[in-house]
Amino acid sequence: ARGAIRCVIAGGINFFPGTLKLLRELRERGIMTFVASGDRIEKEEMAVYLPDVPPDNIFGMMKPEDKRELVRKLKEEHKVMMVGDDRNDYLAMREADIAVLSLQEAAGRPHEIFEVADFRIKDISEVKEIIEEIR
């Protein structure tokens, strides 16, 4: 796909240590960030905690198909990375140019999600390193 990563989509927002720092660094580098959460939370509730993600790039209560469609739309003009950690991120991860599986939170995951992951991370800060690596 087209050069460097221009968009990063998080399949939800867990406030691990380093999450807000990562979002700020991505914004400073001109990388568009999106939050596509399947959780039952409204975008306005999330936006308060995400100062470095434009409110229009925050989506709550998304179905797996909606996440996939967001990736497809962004891929029309950008190279897209999807960071996810669960079954509801699978379709979007499969669609993305780069799929990153976060293992930071202990949970049982379907084997399919491991198969589509280009990278597996144990710390959210590793996203920045992956972006550097594939530049």
N, C-alpha and C. Protein backbone atom coordinates (compact mmCIF):
# COMPACT_ATOMS: atom_id res chain seq x y z
N ALA A 1 0.85 -1.20 0.00
CA ALA A 1 0.00 0.00 0.00
C ALA A 1 0.87 1.24 0.00
N ARG A 2 0.26 2.35 0.09
CA ARG A 2 0.84 3.66 -0.14
C ARG A 2 1.78 4.16 0.95
N GLY A 3 3.04 3.83 0.90
CA GLY A 3 4.04 4.43 1.79
C GLY A 3 3.82 4.24 3.27
N ALA A 4 4.06 5.31 4.00
CA ALA A 4 4.01 5.26 5.47
C ALA A 4 2.58 5.21 5.98
N ILE A 5 2.44 4.70 7.19
CA ILE A 5 1.13 4.67 7.86
C ILE A 5 0.64 6.10 8.04
N ARG A 6 -0.60 6.37 7.63
CA ARG A 6 -1.19 7.70 7.79
C ARG A 6 -2.36 7.68 8.76
N CYS A 7 -2.92 6.51 9.02
CA CYS A 7 -4.08 6.39 9.93
C CYS A 7 -3.86 5.23 10.88
N VAL A 8 -4.18 5.45 12.14
CA VAL A 8 -4.17 4.37 13.13
C VAL A 8 -5.55 4.33 13.76
N ILE A 9 -6.14 3.15 13.75
CA ILE A 9 -7.46 2.95 14.36
C ILE A 9 -7.30 2.03 15.55
N ALA A 10 -7.81 2.45 16.69
CA ALA A 10 -7.84 1.61 17.88
C ALA A 10 -9.23 1.01 17.98
N GLY A 11 -9.28 -0.30 18.21
CA GLY A 11 -10.55 -1.00 18.29
C GLY A 11 -11.32 -0.70 19.55
N GLY A 12 -10.79 0.07 20.41
CA GLY A 12 -11.44 0.46 21.66
C GLY A 12 -10.43 1.30 22.40
N ILE A 13 -10.77 1.75 23.54
CA ILE A 13 -9.80 2.57 24.26
C ILE A 13 -9.66 2.08 25.68
N ASN A 14 -8.52 1.46 25.93
CA ASN A 14 -8.16 1.07 27.29
C ASN A 14 -7.05 2.00 27.70
N PHE A 15 -7.18 2.58 28.86
CA PHE A 15 -6.18 3.55 29.28
C PHE A 15 -5.02 2.86 29.98
N PHE A 16 -4.25 2.15 29.18
CA PHE A 16 -3.03 1.56 29.68
C PHE A 16 -2.02 2.68 29.90
N PRO A 17 -1.04 2.44 30.75
CA PRO A 17 0.02 3.43 30.87
C PRO A 17 0.63 3.68 29.48
N GLY A 18 0.74 4.91 29.10
CA GLY A 18 1.33 5.24 27.81
C GLY A 18 0.33 5.51 26.70
N THR A 19 -0.95 5.22 26.91
CA THR A 19 -1.94 5.42 25.85
C THR A 19 -2.03 6.88 25.43
N LEU A 20 -2.22 7.76 26.39
CA LEU A 20 -2.38 9.18 26.05
C LEU A 20 -1.11 9.76 25.44
N LYS A 21 0.03 9.32 25.93
CA LYS A 21 1.31 9.77 25.37
C LYS A 21 1.43 9.33 23.91
N LEU A 22 1.07 8.09 23.63
CA LEU A 22 1.12 7.59 22.25
C LEU A 22 0.20 8.41 21.35
N LEU A 23 -1.03 8.65 21.78
CA LEU A 23 -1.97 9.42 20.97
C LEU A 23 -1.43 10.82 20.68
N ARG A 24 -0.82 11.44 21.67
CA ARG A 24 -0.24 12.78 21.48
C ARG A 24 0.91 12.72 20.47
N GLU A 25 1.79 11.73 20.60
CA GLU A 25 2.93 11.60 19.69
C GLU A 25 2.47 11.35 18.25
N LEU A 26 1.44 10.53 18.09
CA LEU A 26 0.93 10.27 16.74
C LEU A 26 0.37 11.55 16.13
N ARG A 27 -0.39 12.30 16.92
CA ARG A 27 -0.95 13.57 16.43
C ARG A 27 0.17 14.53 16.02
N GLU A 28 1.19 14.62 16.86
CA GLU A 28 2.32 15.52 16.57
C GLU A 28 3.04 15.13 15.29
N ARG A 29 3.00 13.86 14.94
CA ARG A 29 3.66 13.37 13.72
C ARG A 29 2.73 13.44 12.51
N GLY A 30 1.52 13.95 12.70
CA GLY A 30 0.60 14.08 11.59
C GLY A 30 -0.12 12.80 11.21
N ILE A 31 -0.11 11.83 12.10
CA ILE A 31 -0.82 10.58 11.84
C ILE A 31 -2.23 10.70 12.40
N MET A 32 -3.20 10.46 11.54
CA MET A 32 -4.60 10.54 11.98
C MET A 32 -4.91 9.36 12.89
N THR A 33 -5.57 9.64 13.99
CA THR A 33 -5.96 8.57 14.91
C THR A 33 -7.47 8.52 15.02
N PHE A 34 -7.95 7.30 15.17
CA PHE A 34 -9.38 7.03 15.30
C PHE A 34 -9.58 6.05 16.43
N VAL A 35 -10.71 6.15 17.10
CA VAL A 35 -11.12 5.16 18.09
C VAL A 35 -12.45 4.61 17.62
N ALA A 36 -12.50 3.31 17.42
CA ALA A 36 -13.70 2.63 16.95
C ALA A 36 -14.06 1.57 17.98
N SER A 37 -14.84 1.97 18.95
CA SER A 37 -15.13 1.10 20.09
C SER A 37 -16.45 0.35 19.90
N GLY A 38 -16.44 -0.91 20.24
CA GLY A 38 -17.66 -1.70 20.24
C GLY A 38 -18.37 -1.62 21.58
N ASP A 39 -17.73 -0.95 22.53
CA ASP A 39 -18.32 -0.83 23.86
C ASP A 39 -19.56 0.06 23.82
N ARG A 40 -20.42 -0.13 24.77
CA ARG A 40 -21.64 0.66 24.87
C ARG A 40 -21.33 2.00 25.53
N ILE A 41 -20.62 2.81 24.79
CA ILE A 41 -20.25 4.13 25.30
C ILE A 41 -20.37 5.13 24.15
N GLU A 42 -20.90 6.28 24.45
CA GLU A 42 -21.10 7.31 23.43
C GLU A 42 -19.80 8.05 23.16
N LYS A 43 -19.67 8.57 21.95
CA LYS A 43 -18.47 9.29 21.56
C LYS A 43 -18.20 10.49 22.46
N GLU A 44 -19.26 11.18 22.88
CA GLU A 44 -19.07 12.35 23.74
C GLU A 44 -18.45 11.96 25.08
N GLU A 45 -18.80 10.78 25.57
CA GLU A 45 -18.22 10.30 26.83
C GLU A 45 -16.74 10.00 26.66
N MET A 46 -16.37 9.42 25.52
CA MET A 46 -14.97 9.08 25.28
C MET A 46 -14.13 10.31 24.98
N ALA A 47 -14.69 11.26 24.23
CA ALA A 47 -13.93 12.43 23.76
C ALA A 47 -13.31 13.22 24.90
N VAL A 48 -13.98 13.26 26.04
CA VAL A 48 -13.47 13.99 27.20
C VAL A 48 -12.09 13.47 27.61
N TYR A 49 -11.87 12.18 27.44
CA TYR A 49 -10.62 11.55 27.88
C TYR A 49 -9.59 11.43 26.76
N LEU A 50 -9.93 11.90 25.57
CA LEU A 50 -9.05 11.72 24.42
C LEU A 50 -8.75 13.07 23.75
N PRO A 51 -8.01 13.93 24.42
CA PRO A 51 -7.78 15.28 23.88
C PRO A 51 -7.02 15.30 22.56
N ASP A 52 -6.28 14.25 22.25
CA ASP A 52 -5.49 14.24 21.02
C ASP A 52 -6.16 13.50 19.87
N VAL A 53 -7.40 13.09 20.06
CA VAL A 53 -8.17 12.46 18.98
C VAL A 53 -9.33 13.39 18.65
N PRO A 54 -9.42 13.86 17.40
CA PRO A 54 -10.53 14.74 17.04
C PRO A 54 -11.87 14.06 17.32
N PRO A 55 -12.83 14.78 17.89
CA PRO A 55 -14.14 14.17 18.20
C PRO A 55 -14.79 13.46 17.02
N ASP A 56 -14.59 13.99 15.81
CA ASP A 56 -15.17 13.34 14.63
C ASP A 56 -14.52 12.01 14.31
N ASN A 57 -13.39 11.71 14.94
CA ASN A 57 -12.68 10.44 14.72
C ASN A 57 -12.95 9.43 15.82
N ILE A 58 -13.90 9.72 16.68
CA ILE A 58 -14.24 8.82 17.79
C ILE A 58 -15.61 8.21 17.52
N PHE A 59 -15.67 6.89 17.56
CA PHE A 59 -16.92 6.17 17.28
C PHE A 59 -17.19 5.19 18.41
N GLY A 60 -18.39 5.23 18.94
CA GLY A 60 -18.78 4.29 19.98
C GLY A 60 -19.85 3.34 19.46
N MET A 61 -20.04 2.25 20.17
CA MET A 61 -21.07 1.26 19.88
C MET A 61 -21.00 0.75 18.43
N MET A 62 -19.79 0.51 17.95
CA MET A 62 -19.62 0.02 16.58
C MET A 62 -19.67 -1.50 16.54
N LYS A 63 -20.36 -2.01 15.54
CA LYS A 63 -20.37 -3.44 15.27
C LYS A 63 -19.09 -3.78 14.51
N PRO A 64 -18.69 -5.06 14.51
CA PRO A 64 -17.49 -5.45 13.75
C PRO A 64 -17.54 -5.01 12.29
N GLU A 65 -18.71 -5.09 11.67
CA GLU A 65 -18.85 -4.70 10.27
C GLU A 65 -18.62 -3.20 10.09
N ASP A 66 -19.04 -2.40 11.08
CA ASP A 66 -18.84 -0.95 11.02
C ASP A 66 -17.35 -0.61 11.09
N LYS A 67 -16.63 -1.34 11.94
CA LYS A 67 -15.19 -1.11 12.05
C LYS A 67 -14.50 -1.45 10.73
N ARG A 68 -14.91 -2.57 10.13
CA ARG A 68 -14.33 -2.96 8.83
C ARG A 68 -14.61 -1.88 7.78
N GLU A 69 -15.82 -1.35 7.79
CA GLU A 69 -16.19 -0.32 6.80
C GLU A 69 -15.38 0.96 7.00
N LEU A 70 -15.11 1.32 8.25
CA LEU A 70 -14.26 2.48 8.53
C LEU A 70 -12.87 2.27 7.94
N VAL A 71 -12.30 1.09 8.14
CA VAL A 71 -10.99 0.77 7.59
C VAL A 71 -11.03 0.87 6.06
N ARG A 72 -12.05 0.28 5.45
CA ARG A 72 -12.16 0.32 3.98
C ARG A 72 -12.19 1.76 3.46
N LYS A 73 -12.98 2.58 4.12
CA LYS A 73 -13.13 3.98 3.69
C LYS A 73 -11.79 4.71 3.78
N LEU A 74 -11.09 4.54 4.89
CA LEU A 74 -9.80 5.21 5.07
C LEU A 74 -8.74 4.68 4.11
N LYS A 75 -8.82 3.39 3.78
CA LYS A 75 -7.84 2.79 2.88
C LYS A 75 -7.93 3.34 1.46
N GLU A 76 -9.04 3.97 1.12
CA GLU A 76 -9.16 4.55 -0.22
C GLU A 76 -8.09 5.61 -0.45
N GLU A 77 -7.64 6.27 0.62
CA GLU A 77 -6.66 7.34 0.47
C GLU A 77 -5.42 7.20 1.35
N HIS A 78 -5.42 6.25 2.28
CA HIS A 78 -4.34 6.18 3.26
C HIS A 78 -3.92 4.73 3.51
N LYS A 79 -2.71 4.59 4.03
CA LYS A 79 -2.26 3.30 4.55
C LYS A 79 -2.74 3.24 6.00
N VAL A 80 -3.45 2.16 6.36
CA VAL A 80 -4.16 2.09 7.64
C VAL A 80 -3.63 0.96 8.52
N MET A 81 -3.41 1.31 9.79
CA MET A 81 -3.07 0.32 10.81
C MET A 81 -4.27 0.18 11.74
N MET A 82 -4.64 -1.06 12.02
CA MET A 82 -5.72 -1.35 12.97
C MET A 82 -5.11 -2.03 14.18
N VAL A 83 -5.35 -1.45 15.36
CA VAL A 83 -4.89 -2.04 16.62
C VAL A 83 -6.12 -2.56 17.34
N GLY A 84 -6.15 -3.85 17.59
CA GLY A 84 -7.30 -4.45 18.26
C GLY A 84 -6.87 -5.53 19.23
N ASP A 85 -7.84 -6.00 20.01
CA ASP A 85 -7.49 -7.02 21.00
C ASP A 85 -8.56 -8.09 21.19
N ASP A 86 -9.60 -8.08 20.36
CA ASP A 86 -10.67 -9.03 20.61
C ASP A 86 -11.41 -9.40 19.33
N ARG A 87 -12.31 -10.34 19.48
CA ARG A 87 -13.09 -10.89 18.37
C ARG A 87 -13.77 -9.78 17.55
N ASN A 88 -14.28 -8.75 18.20
CA ASN A 88 -15.01 -7.72 17.47
C ASN A 88 -14.08 -6.82 16.63
N ASP A 89 -12.78 -6.99 16.73
CA ASP A 89 -11.82 -6.25 15.92
C ASP A 89 -11.33 -7.06 14.72
N TYR A 90 -11.69 -8.33 14.66
CA TYR A 90 -11.15 -9.26 13.66
C TYR A 90 -11.37 -8.77 12.22
N LEU A 91 -12.60 -8.41 11.86
CA LEU A 91 -12.88 -8.02 10.47
C LEU A 91 -12.08 -6.78 10.07
N ALA A 92 -12.00 -5.81 10.96
CA ALA A 92 -11.25 -4.59 10.67
C ALA A 92 -9.75 -4.88 10.57
N MET A 93 -9.26 -5.76 11.43
CA MET A 93 -7.84 -6.11 11.38
C MET A 93 -7.53 -6.82 10.07
N ARG A 94 -8.43 -7.69 9.64
CA ARG A 94 -8.23 -8.42 8.38
C ARG A 94 -8.21 -7.45 7.19
N GLU A 95 -8.99 -6.40 7.28
CA GLU A 95 -9.10 -5.42 6.19
C GLU A 95 -7.93 -4.43 6.15
N ALA A 96 -7.32 -4.17 7.29
CA ALA A 96 -6.28 -3.13 7.39
C ALA A 96 -5.01 -3.51 6.64
N ASP A 97 -4.23 -2.48 6.30
CA ASP A 97 -2.91 -2.72 5.69
C ASP A 97 -1.98 -3.40 6.69
N ILE A 98 -2.05 -2.97 7.94
CA ILE A 98 -1.24 -3.53 9.02
C ILE A 98 -2.17 -3.82 10.20
N ALA A 99 -2.15 -5.05 10.69
CA ALA A 99 -2.98 -5.44 11.83
C ALA A 99 -2.09 -5.69 13.04
N VAL A 100 -2.44 -5.03 14.15
CA VAL A 100 -1.66 -5.16 15.38
C VAL A 100 -2.56 -5.71 16.47
N LEU A 101 -2.17 -6.83 17.04
CA LEU A 101 -2.93 -7.46 18.12
C LEU A 101 -2.31 -7.05 19.45
N SER A 102 -3.11 -6.39 20.28
CA SER A 102 -2.65 -5.98 21.60
C SER A 102 -2.92 -7.10 22.60
N LEU A 103 -1.87 -7.53 23.27
CA LEU A 103 -1.98 -8.57 24.30
C LEU A 103 -1.77 -7.98 25.68
N GLN A 104 -1.90 -6.65 25.79
CA GLN A 104 -1.62 -5.97 27.05
C GLN A 104 -2.61 -6.38 28.13
N GLU A 105 -3.84 -6.64 27.73
CA GLU A 105 -4.85 -7.06 28.69
C GLU A 105 -5.03 -8.57 28.58
N ALA A 106 -4.93 -9.26 29.69
CA ALA A 106 -5.09 -10.71 29.67
C ALA A 106 -6.53 -11.05 29.32
N ALA A 107 -6.69 -11.89 28.31
CA ALA A 107 -8.04 -12.30 27.89
C ALA A 107 -7.91 -13.49 26.95
N GLY A 108 -8.96 -14.29 26.90
CA GLY A 108 -9.00 -15.36 25.92
C GLY A 108 -9.36 -14.76 24.57
N ARG A 109 -8.65 -15.15 23.53
CA ARG A 109 -8.90 -14.61 22.20
C ARG A 109 -9.04 -15.76 21.21
N PRO A 110 -9.89 -15.58 20.19
CA PRO A 110 -10.02 -16.63 19.18
C PRO A 110 -8.73 -16.75 18.37
N HIS A 111 -8.40 -17.96 17.95
CA HIS A 111 -7.13 -18.17 17.22
C HIS A 111 -7.09 -17.39 15.91
N GLU A 112 -8.26 -17.10 15.31
CA GLU A 112 -8.29 -16.38 14.04
C GLU A 112 -7.63 -15.00 14.15
N ILE A 113 -7.80 -14.37 15.30
CA ILE A 113 -7.25 -13.02 15.45
C ILE A 113 -5.72 -13.05 15.48
N PHE A 114 -5.16 -14.14 15.96
CA PHE A 114 -3.70 -14.28 15.94
C PHE A 114 -3.22 -14.46 14.50
N GLU A 115 -4.03 -15.15 13.69
CA GLU A 115 -3.65 -15.42 12.31
C GLU A 115 -3.62 -14.17 11.45
N VAL A 116 -4.50 -13.19 11.70
CA VAL A 116 -4.52 -11.98 10.88
C VAL A 116 -3.54 -10.92 11.36
N ALA A 117 -3.01 -11.09 12.56
CA ALA A 117 -2.13 -10.06 13.13
C ALA A 117 -0.76 -10.08 12.46
N ASP A 118 -0.34 -8.91 11.97
CA ASP A 118 1.01 -8.76 11.44
C ASP A 118 2.01 -8.59 12.57
N PHE A 119 1.53 -7.99 13.66
CA PHE A 119 2.36 -7.76 14.85
C PHE A 119 1.55 -8.07 16.09
N ARG A 120 2.24 -8.53 17.13
CA ARG A 120 1.62 -8.73 18.44
C ARG A 120 2.41 -7.88 19.43
N ILE A 121 1.68 -7.13 20.24
CA ILE A 121 2.36 -6.24 21.19
C ILE A 121 1.88 -6.51 22.61
N LYS A 122 2.76 -6.25 23.55
CA LYS A 122 2.42 -6.39 24.97
C LYS A 122 2.35 -5.04 25.65
N ASP A 123 2.73 -3.99 24.92
CA ASP A 123 2.68 -2.63 25.47
C ASP A 123 2.26 -1.69 24.34
N ILE A 124 1.29 -0.83 24.61
CA ILE A 124 0.72 0.04 23.58
C ILE A 124 1.77 0.95 22.96
N SER A 125 2.82 1.26 23.70
CA SER A 125 3.87 2.14 23.16
C SER A 125 4.59 1.50 21.96
N GLU A 126 4.47 0.19 21.80
CA GLU A 126 5.12 -0.50 20.69
C GLU A 126 4.53 -0.10 19.34
N VAL A 127 3.32 0.47 19.34
CA VAL A 127 2.71 0.91 18.08
C VAL A 127 3.63 1.90 17.37
N LYS A 128 4.19 2.83 18.11
CA LYS A 128 5.09 3.84 17.53
C LYS A 128 6.31 3.17 16.90
N GLU A 129 6.84 2.17 17.56
CA GLU A 129 8.01 1.45 17.03
C GLU A 129 7.67 0.73 15.73
N ILE A 130 6.48 0.15 15.67
CA ILE A 130 6.05 -0.55 14.45
C ILE A 130 5.93 0.45 13.30
N ILE A 131 5.35 1.60 13.56
CA ILE A 131 5.22 2.62 12.52
C ILE A 131 6.59 3.02 12.00
N GLU A 132 7.55 3.19 12.89
CA GLU A 132 8.92 3.53 12.49
C GLU A 132 9.52 2.41 11.64
N GLU A 133 9.29 1.19 12.06
CA GLU A 133 9.88 0.02 11.40
C GLU A 133 9.39 -0.13 9.97
N ILE A 134 8.13 0.17 9.71
CA ILE A 134 7.58 -0.08 8.38
C ILE A 134 7.58 1.16 7.49
N ARG A 135 8.18 2.22 7.94
CA ARG A 135 8.27 3.46 7.14
C ARG A 135 8.96 3.22 5.84
